[in-house]
Structures are given as C-alpha cells and as structure tokens.
Amino acid sequence: MAEENYNVEIESDPNNLITVEEFVNYFCKDINLTDDQLANVLLAVTEATTNAIIHANKCDQSKMVTIDVKVNETKLVVKIKDEGEGFDPADIPDPTEPENLLNESGRGVYLMRVYMDNVEYNRTPSGMEIILTLNL
C-alpha cells in the first residue's frame, strides 16, 4: 500500500464535529480498518478535535482546526492542530483517581491514550498539535 493522505480543516464550532465524524468514517473505510479500529480512531479524533475547538480555540470561529492523516502499511497517524495557547498534558488530572471520577470533563486525553497506540503533543508557532498513532 502506498502512503495515503487525507486532510480536513474546520472552523472552531462544535457543530462541525459531524463533519469530523464523517471525515474519519470516510478515511477509515477507504483504508479498510476493522469496525473496532474505526471506533477507536473515531473516539480519539473526536475527543482531540473537541478539545481543540472548545479548550484551545475557545469556540472562536475565526480560528481553525486542521486534521491531517497519513497512512501506510504499518501505521495510521492523525495530527490535529489548533490555534490555541497550548497546555501541558502533565497538568491534566487523572480521571481514574477517586476525586476526579465525577468530573464532567477531563477524560479526553485519557481516552486518547487508551484507544491509540501512541499520543504525542507538540507546541507549534501557531498553536498545539496532537499526534495520534494507531499501529496497523
């Protein structure tokens, strides 16, 4: 399989998450992922995109979220870029700790780590980039 590339850019409006879901469904079907793999990628990408829209870009529709996907025989790499100030992933409380179990938010980063093989964070000149990797 040659390397495949997919890309979408959306305004920072939570209503655009449906576009992201359709995009993920499209490329996952196109590269023949299993239903379980599709579910894992869909969950991780929508969590990362939700964080980018709400927490990073503060729902400012003049700020964009870009999703770049690269796929080859061995792995799927999804990069989600925002235009926010960035954050330190180490500052996110562990949602499995008893004092955090009832919190309404704070599970996205944890879920990305559970459902993807690797999660990395890069601070860029224009915002933050989350890199999600699934081994195929």
C-alpha atoms as a PDB file:
ATOM      1  CA  MET A   1       0.000   0.000   0.000  1.00  0.00           C
ATOM      2  CA  ALA A   2       1.391   3.390  -0.943  1.00  0.00           C
ATOM      3  CA  GLU A   3       1.153   6.159   1.608  1.00  0.00           C
ATOM      4  CA  GLU A   4      -2.303   7.732   1.633  1.00  0.00           C
ATOM      5  CA  ASN A   5      -3.030  11.289   2.808  1.00  0.00           C
ATOM      6  CA  TYR A   6      -6.307  12.848   3.949  1.00  0.00           C
ATOM      7  CA  ASN A   7      -6.992  16.353   5.227  1.00  0.00           C
ATOM      8  CA  VAL A   8      -9.829  18.483   6.536  1.00  0.00           C
ATOM      9  CA  GLU A   9      -9.967  21.963   8.059  1.00  0.00           C
ATOM     10  CA  ILE A  10     -12.910  23.243  10.106  1.00  0.00           C
ATOM     11  CA  GLU A  11     -13.911  26.428  11.902  1.00  0.00           C
ATOM     12  CA  SER A  12     -13.924  26.161  15.712  1.00  0.00           C
ATOM     13  CA  ASP A  13     -17.643  25.495  16.077  1.00  0.00           C
ATOM     14  CA  PRO A  14     -18.792  22.352  17.940  1.00  0.00           C
ATOM     15  CA  ASN A  15     -21.431  21.856  15.203  1.00  0.00           C
ATOM     16  CA  ASN A  16     -18.548  20.973  12.871  1.00  0.00           C
ATOM     17  CA  LEU A  17     -17.846  17.758  14.807  1.00  0.00           C
ATOM     18  CA  ILE A  18     -20.303  15.973  12.499  1.00  0.00           C
ATOM     19  CA  THR A  19     -18.002  16.893   9.586  1.00  0.00           C
ATOM     20  CA  VAL A  20     -15.074  15.388  11.507  1.00  0.00           C
ATOM     21  CA  GLU A  21     -17.029  12.189  12.203  1.00  0.00           C
ATOM     22  CA  GLU A  22     -17.889  11.849   8.502  1.00  0.00           C
ATOM     23  CA  PHE A  23     -14.234  12.504   7.583  1.00  0.00           C
ATOM     24  CA  VAL A  24     -12.994   9.799   9.996  1.00  0.00           C
ATOM     25  CA  ASN A  25     -15.607   7.323   8.766  1.00  0.00           C
ATOM     26  CA  TYR A  26     -14.576   8.060   5.175  1.00  0.00           C
ATOM     27  CA  PHE A  27     -10.828   7.529   5.541  1.00  0.00           C
ATOM     28  CA  CYS A  28     -11.221   4.530   7.885  1.00  0.00           C
ATOM     29  CA  LYS A  29     -13.482   2.782   5.355  1.00  0.00           C
ATOM     30  CA  ASP A  30     -11.181   3.833   2.499  1.00  0.00           C
ATOM     31  CA  ILE A  31      -8.189   2.119   4.145  1.00  0.00           C
ATOM     32  CA  ASN A  32     -10.238  -0.909   5.273  1.00  0.00           C
ATOM     33  CA  LEU A  33      -9.935  -0.557   9.037  1.00  0.00           C
ATOM     34  CA  THR A  34     -11.929  -3.005  11.138  1.00  0.00           C
ATOM     35  CA  ASP A  35     -15.062  -1.768  12.922  1.00  0.00           C
ATOM     36  CA  ASP A  36     -13.162  -1.840  16.246  1.00  0.00           C
ATOM     37  CA  GLN A  37     -10.271   0.183  14.799  1.00  0.00           C
ATOM     38  CA  LEU A  38     -12.736   2.664  13.283  1.00  0.00           C
ATOM     39  CA  ALA A  39     -14.480   3.073  16.653  1.00  0.00           C
ATOM     40  CA  ASN A  40     -11.147   3.676  18.418  1.00  0.00           C
ATOM     41  CA  VAL A  41      -9.943   6.209  15.839  1.00  0.00           C
ATOM     42  CA  LEU A  42     -13.330   7.959  15.797  1.00  0.00           C
ATOM     43  CA  LEU A  43     -13.345   8.309  19.585  1.00  0.00           C
ATOM     44  CA  ALA A  44      -9.762   9.583  19.788  1.00  0.00           C
ATOM     45  CA  VAL A  45     -10.040  12.037  16.883  1.00  0.00           C
ATOM     46  CA  THR A  46     -13.375  13.490  18.047  1.00  0.00           C
ATOM     47  CA  GLU A  47     -12.021  13.889  21.603  1.00  0.00           C
ATOM     48  CA  ALA A  48      -8.902  15.669  20.311  1.00  0.00           C
ATOM     49  CA  THR A  49     -10.960  17.852  17.972  1.00  0.00           C
ATOM     50  CA  THR A  50     -13.465  18.715  20.714  1.00  0.00           C
ATOM     51  CA  ASN A  51     -10.565  19.799  22.943  1.00  0.00           C
ATOM     52  CA  ALA A  52      -9.102  21.863  20.095  1.00  0.00           C
ATOM     53  CA  ILE A  53     -12.423  23.608  19.405  1.00  0.00           C
ATOM     54  CA  ILE A  54     -13.558  24.210  22.997  1.00  0.00           C
ATOM     55  CA  HIS A  55     -10.445  24.458  25.173  1.00  0.00           C
ATOM     56  CA  ALA A  56      -7.770  25.674  22.724  1.00  0.00           C
ATOM     57  CA  ASN A  57      -9.659  27.867  20.264  1.00  0.00           C
ATOM     58  CA  LYS A  58     -12.441  28.795  22.736  1.00  0.00           C
ATOM     59  CA  CYS A  59     -15.103  28.273  20.021  1.00  0.00           C
ATOM     60  CA  ASP A  60     -13.673  31.301  18.162  1.00  0.00           C
ATOM     61  CA  GLN A  61     -14.891  30.627  14.622  1.00  0.00           C
ATOM     62  CA  SER A  62     -12.073  32.739  13.182  1.00  0.00           C
ATOM     63  CA  LYS A  63      -9.675  30.048  14.466  1.00  0.00           C
ATOM     64  CA  MET A  64      -9.313  26.802  12.558  1.00  0.00           C
ATOM     65  CA  VAL A  65      -8.719  23.170  13.483  1.00  0.00           C
ATOM     66  CA  THR A  66      -6.782  21.168  10.893  1.00  0.00           C
ATOM     67  CA  ILE A  67      -6.724  17.377  10.742  1.00  0.00           C
ATOM     68  CA  ASP A  68      -4.011  15.714   8.661  1.00  0.00           C
ATOM     69  CA  VAL A  69      -3.943  11.934   8.196  1.00  0.00           C
ATOM     70  CA  LYS A  70      -1.113   9.797   6.823  1.00  0.00           C
ATOM     71  CA  VAL A  71      -1.470   6.054   6.382  1.00  0.00           C
ATOM     72  CA  ASN A  72       0.990   3.405   5.236  1.00  0.00           C
ATOM     73  CA  GLU A  73       1.247  -0.375   5.634  1.00  0.00           C
ATOM     74  CA  THR A  74       2.251  -0.214   9.295  1.00  0.00           C
ATOM     75  CA  LYS A  75       0.543   2.785  10.842  1.00  0.00           C
ATOM     76  CA  LEU A  76      -2.113   5.450  10.782  1.00  0.00           C
ATOM     77  CA  VAL A  77      -1.003   8.890  12.013  1.00  0.00           C
ATOM     78  CA  VAL A  78      -3.566  11.633  12.682  1.00  0.00           C
ATOM     79  CA  LYS A  79      -2.411  15.183  13.504  1.00  0.00           C
ATOM     80  CA  ILE A  80      -4.946  17.591  14.962  1.00  0.00           C
ATOM     81  CA  LYS A  81      -3.739  21.220  15.010  1.00  0.00           C
ATOM     82  CA  ASP A  82      -5.386  24.132  16.802  1.00  0.00           C
ATOM     83  CA  GLU A  83      -4.630  27.851  17.136  1.00  0.00           C
ATOM     84  CA  GLY A  84      -4.771  27.992  20.934  1.00  0.00           C
ATOM     85  CA  GLU A  85      -2.194  28.835  23.590  1.00  0.00           C
ATOM     86  CA  GLY A  86      -1.338  25.202  24.306  1.00  0.00           C
ATOM     87  CA  PHE A  87      -1.222  23.221  27.518  1.00  0.00           C
ATOM     88  CA  ASP A  88       0.964  20.783  29.418  1.00  0.00           C
ATOM     89  CA  PRO A  89      -0.559  17.268  29.252  1.00  0.00           C
ATOM     90  CA  ALA A  90       1.053  16.525  32.630  1.00  0.00           C
ATOM     91  CA  ASP A  91      -1.260  19.146  34.191  1.00  0.00           C
ATOM     92  CA  ILE A  92      -4.392  17.176  33.243  1.00  0.00           C
ATOM     93  CA  PRO A  93      -5.739  15.357  36.332  1.00  0.00           C
ATOM     94  CA  ASP A  94      -6.023  11.550  36.128  1.00  0.00           C
ATOM     95  CA  PRO A  95      -9.756  10.856  35.565  1.00  0.00           C
ATOM     96  CA  THR A  96      -9.407   7.423  37.211  1.00  0.00           C
ATOM     97  CA  GLU A  97      -8.455   8.945  40.600  1.00  0.00           C
ATOM     98  CA  PRO A  98     -11.378   8.846  43.065  1.00  0.00           C
ATOM     99  CA  GLU A  99     -11.537  12.651  43.453  1.00  0.00           C
ATOM    100  CA  ASN A 100     -11.922  13.055  39.669  1.00  0.00           C
ATOM    101  CA  LEU A 101     -14.469  10.321  38.907  1.00  0.00           C
ATOM    102  CA  LEU A 102     -17.487  12.634  38.919  1.00  0.00           C
ATOM    103  CA  ASN A 103     -15.890  15.483  36.958  1.00  0.00           C
ATOM    104  CA  GLU A 104     -17.883  16.423  33.857  1.00  0.00           C
ATOM    105  CA  SER A 105     -14.766  16.763  31.712  1.00  0.00           C
ATOM    106  CA  GLY A 106     -11.154  15.638  31.739  1.00  0.00           C
ATOM    107  CA  ARG A 107     -11.434  12.178  30.191  1.00  0.00           C
ATOM    108  CA  GLY A 108     -10.498  13.017  26.585  1.00  0.00           C
ATOM    109  CA  VAL A 109      -6.711  12.874  26.955  1.00  0.00           C
ATOM    110  CA  TYR A 110      -7.026   9.650  28.972  1.00  0.00           C
ATOM    111  CA  LEU A 111      -9.309   8.053  26.349  1.00  0.00           C
ATOM    112  CA  MET A 112      -6.943   9.011  23.519  1.00  0.00           C
ATOM    113  CA  ARG A 113      -4.124   7.209  25.359  1.00  0.00           C
ATOM    114  CA  VAL A 114      -6.309   4.131  25.923  1.00  0.00           C
ATOM    115  CA  TYR A 115      -7.581   3.787  22.345  1.00  0.00           C
ATOM    116  CA  MET A 116      -4.478   4.798  20.359  1.00  0.00           C
ATOM    117  CA  ASP A 117      -1.031   3.180  20.375  1.00  0.00           C
ATOM    118  CA  ASN A 118       0.754   6.496  20.837  1.00  0.00           C
ATOM    119  CA  VAL A 119      -0.242  10.086  21.693  1.00  0.00           C
ATOM    120  CA  GLU A 120       2.196  12.985  21.392  1.00  0.00           C
ATOM    121  CA  TYR A 121       1.887  16.741  21.858  1.00  0.00           C
ATOM    122  CA  ASN A 122       3.836  19.440  20.010  1.00  0.00           C
ATOM    123  CA  ARG A 123       3.688  23.146  20.683  1.00  0.00           C
ATOM    124  CA  THR A 124       3.824  24.914  17.292  1.00  0.00           C
ATOM    125  CA  PRO A 125       4.267  28.633  16.495  1.00  0.00           C
ATOM    126  CA  SER A 126       0.524  28.883  15.799  1.00  0.00           C
ATOM    127  CA  GLY A 127      -0.899  26.576  18.493  1.00  0.00           C
ATOM    128  CA  MET A 128      -0.835  22.988  19.659  1.00  0.00           C
ATOM    129  CA  GLU A 129      -0.638  19.754  17.668  1.00  0.00           C
ATOM    130  CA  ILE A 130      -1.761  16.355  18.933  1.00  0.00           C
ATOM    131  CA  ILE A 131      -0.368  13.337  17.080  1.00  0.00           C
ATOM    132  CA  LEU A 132      -2.392  10.131  17.386  1.00  0.00           C
ATOM    133  CA  THR A 133      -0.832   6.886  16.106  1.00  0.00           C
ATOM    134  CA  LEU A 134      -2.524   3.538  15.527  1.00  0.00           C
ATOM    135  CA  ASN A 135      -0.354   0.570  14.585  1.00  0.00           C
ATOM    136  CA  LEU A 136      -1.947  -1.449  11.778  1.00  0.00           C
END
